[in-house]
Every structure is written in structure tokens, then in C-alpha cells.
Amino acid sequence: MAETRQMQVANWQHKCAQCGYENGFHVSFRRTTRDEQGNDVAIVLICPSCSTPFDIGLKTRLSPQVQA
């Protein structure tokens, strides 16, 4: 995968800054910590046309999963 680029969100962000594709983004998740639960993740936008990943600063923490 290409190097993740930073992107500022202004108004309605639906256009890829790399290739100009105008119909929005796919979403991907990347773990950001290596703690034993590994629950901190970054939410990354990926252009469906050129596959450039963009980090807009979205981060979340996943709920622990119950092992069956």
C-alpha cells in the first residue's frame, strides 16, 4: 500500500487530492497501539480509484471482543 498522506477536511470532502476522483472514499482500519488488547485504531480513507490512503485524524477504540 502507498504511504499514507495527511488530508485536511474542508466542507464536504469527497474528492481525492491525489488523482481527482470525485465519488468519495473507502474506509480502512489500522491498529495504532501494540498493547495486549490492541484496541486503538486509526480510521483511514482510501481512494477507490488510485488506492492512496489518507489520514484525516479519525481515531477510535474498539470494544473488547468476547472469546467464544
PDB file of N, CA and C in Angstrom:
ATOM      1  N   MET A   1       0.837  -1.170   0.000  1.00  0.00           N
ATOM      2  CA  MET A   1       0.000   0.000   0.000  1.00  0.00           C
ATOM      3  C   MET A   1       0.888   1.242   0.000  1.00  0.00           C
ATOM      4  N   ALA A   2       0.422   2.284  -0.645  1.00  0.00           N
ATOM      5  CA  ALA A   2       1.162   3.541  -0.724  1.00  0.00           C
ATOM      6  C   ALA A   2       1.291   4.190   0.650  1.00  0.00           C
ATOM      7  N   GLU A   3       2.224   5.110   0.765  1.00  0.00           N
ATOM      8  CA  GLU A   3       2.414   5.843   2.013  1.00  0.00           C
ATOM      9  C   GLU A   3       1.159   6.665   2.319  1.00  0.00           C
ATOM     10  N   THR A   4       0.739   6.651   3.575  1.00  0.00           N
ATOM     11  CA  THR A   4      -0.452   7.381   3.993  1.00  0.00           C
ATOM     12  C   THR A   4      -0.178   8.873   3.969  1.00  0.00           C
ATOM     13  N   ARG A   5      -1.073   9.620   3.334  1.00  0.00           N
ATOM     14  CA  ARG A   5      -0.948  11.072   3.238  1.00  0.00           C
ATOM     15  C   ARG A   5      -1.913  11.725   4.220  1.00  0.00           C
ATOM     16  N   GLN A   6      -1.545  12.884   4.718  1.00  0.00           N
ATOM     17  CA  GLN A   6      -2.421  13.677   5.577  1.00  0.00           C
ATOM     18  C   GLN A   6      -3.385  14.452   4.693  1.00  0.00           C
ATOM     19  N   MET A   7      -4.625  14.635   5.167  1.00  0.00           N
ATOM     20  CA  MET A   7      -5.596  15.407   4.405  1.00  0.00           C
ATOM     21  C   MET A   7      -6.432  16.229   5.378  1.00  0.00           C
ATOM     22  N   GLN A   8      -6.587  17.502   5.085  1.00  0.00           N
ATOM     23  CA  GLN A   8      -7.447  18.377   5.860  1.00  0.00           C
ATOM     24  C   GLN A   8      -8.858  18.289   5.302  1.00  0.00           C
ATOM     25  N   VAL A   9      -9.845  18.230   6.179  1.00  0.00           N
ATOM     26  CA  VAL A   9     -11.236  18.166   5.739  1.00  0.00           C
ATOM     27  C   VAL A   9     -11.785  19.584   5.703  1.00  0.00           C
ATOM     28  N   ALA A  10     -12.258  19.988   4.541  1.00  0.00           N
ATOM     29  CA  ALA A  10     -12.842  21.318   4.363  1.00  0.00           C
ATOM     30  C   ALA A  10     -14.207  21.144   3.714  1.00  0.00           C
ATOM     31  N   ASN A  11     -15.232  21.622   4.398  1.00  0.00           N
ATOM     32  CA  ASN A  11     -16.597  21.471   3.891  1.00  0.00           C
ATOM     33  C   ASN A  11     -16.922  20.000   3.679  1.00  0.00           C
ATOM     34  N   TRP A  12     -17.308  19.628   2.478  1.00  0.00           N
ATOM     35  CA  TRP A  12     -17.654  18.247   2.149  1.00  0.00           C
ATOM     36  C   TRP A  12     -16.490  17.634   1.384  1.00  0.00           C
ATOM     37  N   GLN A  13     -15.776  16.712   2.002  1.00  0.00           N
ATOM     38  CA  GLN A  13     -14.575  16.140   1.392  1.00  0.00           C
ATOM     39  C   GLN A  13     -14.940  14.846   0.668  1.00  0.00           C
ATOM     40  N   HIS A  14     -15.046  14.927  -0.642  1.00  0.00           N
ATOM     41  CA  HIS A  14     -15.393  13.748  -1.442  1.00  0.00           C
ATOM     42  C   HIS A  14     -14.441  13.553  -2.620  1.00  0.00           C
ATOM     43  N   LYS A  15     -13.471  14.441  -2.785  1.00  0.00           N
ATOM     44  CA  LYS A  15     -12.566  14.398  -3.930  1.00  0.00           C
ATOM     45  C   LYS A  15     -11.156  14.011  -3.487  1.00  0.00           C
ATOM     46  N   CYS A  16     -10.566  13.050  -4.188  1.00  0.00           N
ATOM     47  CA  CYS A  16      -9.203  12.603  -3.885  1.00  0.00           C
ATOM     48  C   CYS A  16      -8.200  13.692  -4.260  1.00  0.00           C
ATOM     49  N   ALA A  17      -7.356  14.058  -3.301  1.00  0.00           N
ATOM     50  CA  ALA A  17      -6.337  15.074  -3.540  1.00  0.00           C
ATOM     51  C   ALA A  17      -5.208  14.562  -4.438  1.00  0.00           C
ATOM     52  N   GLN A  18      -5.101  13.249  -4.604  1.00  0.00           N
ATOM     53  CA  GLN A  18      -4.036  12.659  -5.417  1.00  0.00           C
ATOM     54  C   GLN A  18      -4.432  12.566  -6.895  1.00  0.00           C
ATOM     55  N   CYS A  19      -5.609  11.985  -7.176  1.00  0.00           N
ATOM     56  CA  CYS A  19      -5.976  11.728  -8.578  1.00  0.00           C
ATOM     57  C   CYS A  19      -7.203  12.496  -9.053  1.00  0.00           C
ATOM     58  N   GLY A  20      -7.942  13.121  -8.123  1.00  0.00           N
ATOM     59  CA  GLY A  20      -9.111  13.903  -8.520  1.00  0.00           C
ATOM     60  C   GLY A  20     -10.420  13.129  -8.572  1.00  0.00           C
ATOM     61  N   TYR A  21     -10.393  11.840  -8.263  1.00  0.00           N
ATOM     62  CA  TYR A  21     -11.621  11.041  -8.220  1.00  0.00           C
ATOM     63  C   TYR A  21     -12.626  11.742  -7.308  1.00  0.00           C
ATOM     64  N   GLU A  22     -13.905  11.852  -7.720  1.00  0.00           N
ATOM     65  CA  GLU A  22     -14.869  12.692  -7.010  1.00  0.00           C
ATOM     66  C   GLU A  22     -16.012  11.976  -6.303  1.00  0.00           C
ATOM     67  N   ASN A  23     -15.976  10.672  -6.180  1.00  0.00           N
ATOM     68  CA  ASN A  23     -17.132   9.964  -5.614  1.00  0.00           C
ATOM     69  C   ASN A  23     -16.865   9.352  -4.247  1.00  0.00           C
ATOM     70  N   GLY A  24     -16.062  10.005  -3.413  1.00  0.00           N
ATOM     71  CA  GLY A  24     -15.885   9.547  -2.043  1.00  0.00           C
ATOM     72  C   GLY A  24     -14.767   8.535  -1.872  1.00  0.00           C
ATOM     73  N   PHE A  25     -14.767   7.894  -0.701  1.00  0.00           N
ATOM     74  CA  PHE A  25     -13.656   7.051  -0.283  1.00  0.00           C
ATOM     75  C   PHE A  25     -14.144   5.738   0.315  1.00  0.00           C
ATOM     76  N   HIS A  26     -13.272   4.748   0.284  1.00  0.00           N
ATOM     77  CA  HIS A  26     -13.458   3.529   1.054  1.00  0.00           C
ATOM     78  C   HIS A  26     -12.889   3.801   2.443  1.00  0.00           C
ATOM     79  N   VAL A  27     -13.223   2.969   3.407  1.00  0.00           N
ATOM     80  CA  VAL A  27     -12.720   3.120   4.772  1.00  0.00           C
ATOM     81  C   VAL A  27     -11.918   1.882   5.147  1.00  0.00           C
ATOM     82  N   SER A  28     -10.802   2.121   5.833  1.00  0.00           N
ATOM     83  CA  SER A  28      -9.966   1.038   6.316  1.00  0.00           C
ATOM     84  C   SER A  28      -9.583   1.339   7.763  1.00  0.00           C
ATOM     85  N   PHE A  29      -9.146   0.320   8.488  1.00  0.00           N
ATOM     86  CA  PHE A  29      -8.785   0.473   9.890  1.00  0.00           C
ATOM     87  C   PHE A  29      -7.361  -0.012  10.094  1.00  0.00           C
ATOM     88  N   ARG A  30      -6.587   0.743  10.892  1.00  0.00           N
ATOM     89  CA  ARG A  30      -5.202   0.361  11.168  1.00  0.00           C
ATOM     90  C   ARG A  30      -4.969   0.453  12.676  1.00  0.00           C
ATOM     91  N   ARG A  31      -4.477  -0.623  13.268  1.00  0.00           N
ATOM     92  CA  ARG A  31      -4.153  -0.602  14.697  1.00  0.00           C
ATOM     93  C   ARG A  31      -3.036   0.400  14.934  1.00  0.00           C
ATOM     94  N   THR A  32      -3.176   1.171  16.029  1.00  0.00           N
ATOM     95  CA  THR A  32      -2.180   2.209  16.313  1.00  0.00           C
ATOM     96  C   THR A  32      -1.382   1.912  17.575  1.00  0.00           C
ATOM     97  N   THR A  33      -1.773   0.899  18.347  1.00  0.00           N
ATOM     98  CA  THR A  33      -1.029   0.531  19.551  1.00  0.00           C
ATOM     99  C   THR A  33      -0.755  -0.957  19.531  1.00  0.00           C
ATOM    100  N   ARG A  34       0.254  -1.336  20.261  1.00  0.00           N
ATOM    101  CA  ARG A  34       0.603  -2.754  20.363  1.00  0.00           C
ATOM    102  C   ARG A  34       0.384  -3.248  21.789  1.00  0.00           C
ATOM    103  N   ASP A  35      -0.631  -2.667  22.474  1.00  0.00           N
ATOM    104  CA  ASP A  35      -0.933  -3.154  23.812  1.00  0.00           C
ATOM    105  C   ASP A  35      -1.546  -4.549  23.705  1.00  0.00           C
ATOM    106  N   GLU A  36      -1.744  -5.209  24.838  1.00  0.00           N
ATOM    107  CA  GLU A  36      -2.218  -6.601  24.763  1.00  0.00           C
ATOM    108  C   GLU A  36      -3.606  -6.726  24.157  1.00  0.00           C
ATOM    109  N   GLN A  37      -4.465  -5.703  24.294  1.00  0.00           N
ATOM    110  CA  GLN A  37      -5.766  -5.766  23.648  1.00  0.00           C
ATOM    111  C   GLN A  37      -5.711  -5.247  22.213  1.00  0.00           C
ATOM    112  N   GLY A  38      -4.834  -4.283  21.926  1.00  0.00           N
ATOM    113  CA  GLY A  38      -4.717  -3.738  20.574  1.00  0.00           C
ATOM    114  C   GLY A  38      -5.986  -3.063  20.106  1.00  0.00           C
ATOM    115  N   ASN A  39      -6.666  -2.350  21.008  1.00  0.00           N
ATOM    116  CA  ASN A  39      -7.973  -1.803  20.677  1.00  0.00           C
ATOM    117  C   ASN A  39      -7.950  -0.402  20.082  1.00  0.00           C
ATOM    118  N   ASP A  40      -6.821   0.297  20.077  1.00  0.00           N
ATOM    119  CA  ASP A  40      -6.757   1.636  19.497  1.00  0.00           C
ATOM    120  C   ASP A  40      -6.531   1.520  17.993  1.00  0.00           C
ATOM    121  N   VAL A  41      -7.387   2.167  17.211  1.00  0.00           N
ATOM    122  CA  VAL A  41      -7.277   2.092  15.762  1.00  0.00           C
ATOM    123  C   VAL A  41      -7.446   3.472  15.137  1.00  0.00           C
ATOM    124  N   ALA A  42      -6.793   3.654  13.987  1.00  0.00           N
ATOM    125  CA  ALA A  42      -6.995   4.837  13.160  1.00  0.00           C
ATOM    126  C   ALA A  42      -7.948   4.438  12.041  1.00  0.00           C
ATOM    127  N   ILE A  43      -8.839   5.347  11.682  1.00  0.00           N
ATOM    128  CA  ILE A  43      -9.759   5.136  10.564  1.00  0.00           C
ATOM    129  C   ILE A  43      -9.166   5.885   9.375  1.00  0.00           C
ATOM    130  N   VAL A  44      -8.811   5.155   8.329  1.00  0.00           N
ATOM    131  CA  VAL A  44      -8.105   5.705   7.178  1.00  0.00           C
ATOM    132  C   VAL A  44      -9.030   5.686   5.960  1.00  0.00           C
ATOM    133  N   LEU A  45      -9.028   6.770   5.200  1.00  0.00           N
ATOM    134  CA  LEU A  45      -9.796   6.833   3.953  1.00  0.00           C
ATOM    135  C   LEU A  45      -8.899   6.375   2.808  1.00  0.00           C
ATOM    136  N   ILE A  46      -9.454   5.574   1.886  1.00  0.00           N
ATOM    137  CA  ILE A  46      -8.691   5.081   0.742  1.00  0.00           C
ATOM    138  C   ILE A  46      -9.440   5.423  -0.531  1.00  0.00           C
ATOM    139  N   CYS A  47      -8.741   6.054  -1.468  1.00  0.00           N
ATOM    140  CA  CYS A  47      -9.355   6.395  -2.751  1.00  0.00           C
ATOM    141  C   CYS A  47      -9.623   5.107  -3.535  1.00  0.00           C
ATOM    142  N   PRO A  48     -10.869   4.889  -3.988  1.00  0.00           N
ATOM    143  CA  PRO A  48     -11.163   3.680  -4.749  1.00  0.00           C
ATOM    144  C   PRO A  48     -10.563   3.685  -6.157  1.00  0.00           C
ATOM    145  N   SER A  49     -10.116   4.843  -6.629  1.00  0.00           N
ATOM    146  CA  SER A  49      -9.545   4.922  -7.968  1.00  0.00           C
ATOM    147  C   SER A  49      -8.039   4.674  -7.969  1.00  0.00           C
ATOM    148  N   CYS A  50      -7.288   5.409  -7.127  1.00  0.00           N
ATOM    149  CA  CYS A  50      -5.826   5.297  -7.155  1.00  0.00           C
ATOM    150  C   CYS A  50      -5.246   4.576  -5.939  1.00  0.00           C
ATOM    151  N   SER A  51      -6.091   4.215  -4.969  1.00  0.00           N
ATOM    152  CA  SER A  51      -5.706   3.480  -3.755  1.00  0.00           C
ATOM    153  C   SER A  51      -4.835   4.264  -2.777  1.00  0.00           C
ATOM    154  N   THR A  52      -4.745   5.578  -2.933  1.00  0.00           N
ATOM    155  CA  THR A  52      -3.979   6.384  -1.988  1.00  0.00           C
ATOM    156  C   THR A  52      -4.698   6.420  -0.645  1.00  0.00           C
ATOM    157  N   PRO A  53      -4.007   6.084   0.463  1.00  0.00           N
ATOM    158  CA  PRO A  53      -4.631   6.177   1.779  1.00  0.00           C
ATOM    159  C   PRO A  53      -4.440   7.585   2.359  1.00  0.00           C
ATOM    160  N   PHE A  54      -5.481   8.076   3.031  1.00  0.00           N
ATOM    161  CA  PHE A  54      -5.446   9.402   3.643  1.00  0.00           C
ATOM    162  C   PHE A  54      -5.795   9.308   5.116  1.00  0.00           C
ATOM    163  N   ASP A  55      -4.991   9.975   5.940  1.00  0.00           N
ATOM    164  CA  ASP A  55      -5.245  10.068   7.369  1.00  0.00           C
ATOM    165  C   ASP A  55      -5.835  11.447   7.628  1.00  0.00           C
ATOM    166  N   ILE A  56      -7.088  11.489   8.141  1.00  0.00           N
ATOM    167  CA  ILE A  56      -7.704  12.776   8.468  1.00  0.00           C
ATOM    168  C   ILE A  56      -7.803  12.965   9.973  1.00  0.00           C
ATOM    169  N   GLY A  57      -7.151  12.076  10.729  1.00  0.00           N
ATOM    170  CA  GLY A  57      -7.110  12.214  12.174  1.00  0.00           C
ATOM    171  C   GLY A  57      -8.209  11.489  12.930  1.00  0.00           C
ATOM    172  N   LEU A  58      -8.989  10.658  12.248  1.00  0.00           N
ATOM    173  CA  LEU A  58     -10.030   9.895  12.936  1.00  0.00           C
ATOM    174  C   LEU A  58      -9.399   8.734  13.696  1.00  0.00           C
ATOM    175  N   LYS A  59      -9.696   8.651  14.982  1.00  0.00           N
ATOM    176  CA  LYS A  59      -9.190   7.562  15.814  1.00  0.00           C
ATOM    177  C   LYS A  59     -10.332   7.057  16.688  1.00  0.00           C
ATOM    178  N   THR A  60     -10.281   5.791  17.048  1.00  0.00           N
ATOM    179  CA  THR A  60     -11.303   5.219  17.915  1.00  0.00           C
ATOM    180  C   THR A  60     -10.700   4.089  18.726  1.00  0.00           C
ATOM    181  N   ARG A  61     -11.448   3.613  19.674  1.00  0.00           N
ATOM    182  CA  ARG A  61     -11.048   2.463  20.481  1.00  0.00           C
ATOM    183  C   ARG A  61     -12.135   1.413  20.327  1.00  0.00           C
ATOM    184  N   LEU A  62     -11.750   0.211  19.942  1.00  0.00           N
ATOM    185  CA  LEU A  62     -12.690  -0.884  19.759  1.00  0.00           C
ATOM    186  C   LEU A  62     -13.080  -1.476  21.109  1.00  0.00           C
ATOM    187  N   SER A  63     -14.297  -1.966  21.201  1.00  0.00           N
ATOM    188  CA  SER A  63     -14.726  -2.688  22.397  1.00  0.00           C
ATOM    189  C   SER A  63     -14.021  -4.031  22.435  1.00  0.00           C
ATOM    190  N   PRO A  64     -13.657  -4.506  23.615  1.00  0.00           N
ATOM    191  CA  PRO A  64     -13.032  -5.835  23.713  1.00  0.00           C
ATOM    192  C   PRO A  64     -13.972  -6.910  23.156  1.00  0.00           C
ATOM    193  N   GLN A  65     -13.430  -7.867  22.459  1.00  0.00           N
ATOM    194  CA  GLN A  65     -14.210  -8.967  21.912  1.00  0.00           C
ATOM    195  C   GLN A  65     -14.233 -10.125  22.897  1.00  0.00           C
ATOM    196  N   VAL A  66     -15.384 -10.720  23.077  1.00  0.00           N
ATOM    197  CA  VAL A  66     -15.525 -11.879  23.947  1.00  0.00           C
ATOM    198  C   VAL A  66     -15.125 -13.108  23.157  1.00  0.00           C
ATOM    199  N   GLN A  67     -14.188 -13.886  23.693  1.00  0.00           N
ATOM    200  CA  GLN A  67     -13.752 -15.113  23.029  1.00  0.00           C
ATOM    201  C   GLN A  67     -14.738 -16.232  23.323  1.00  0.00           C
ATOM    202  N   ALA A  68     -15.219 -16.891  22.293  1.00  0.00           N
ATOM    203  CA  ALA A  68     -16.184 -17.980  22.461  1.00  0.00           C
ATOM    204  C   ALA A  68     -15.488 -19.313  22.602  1.00  0.00           C
TER     205      ALA A  68
END
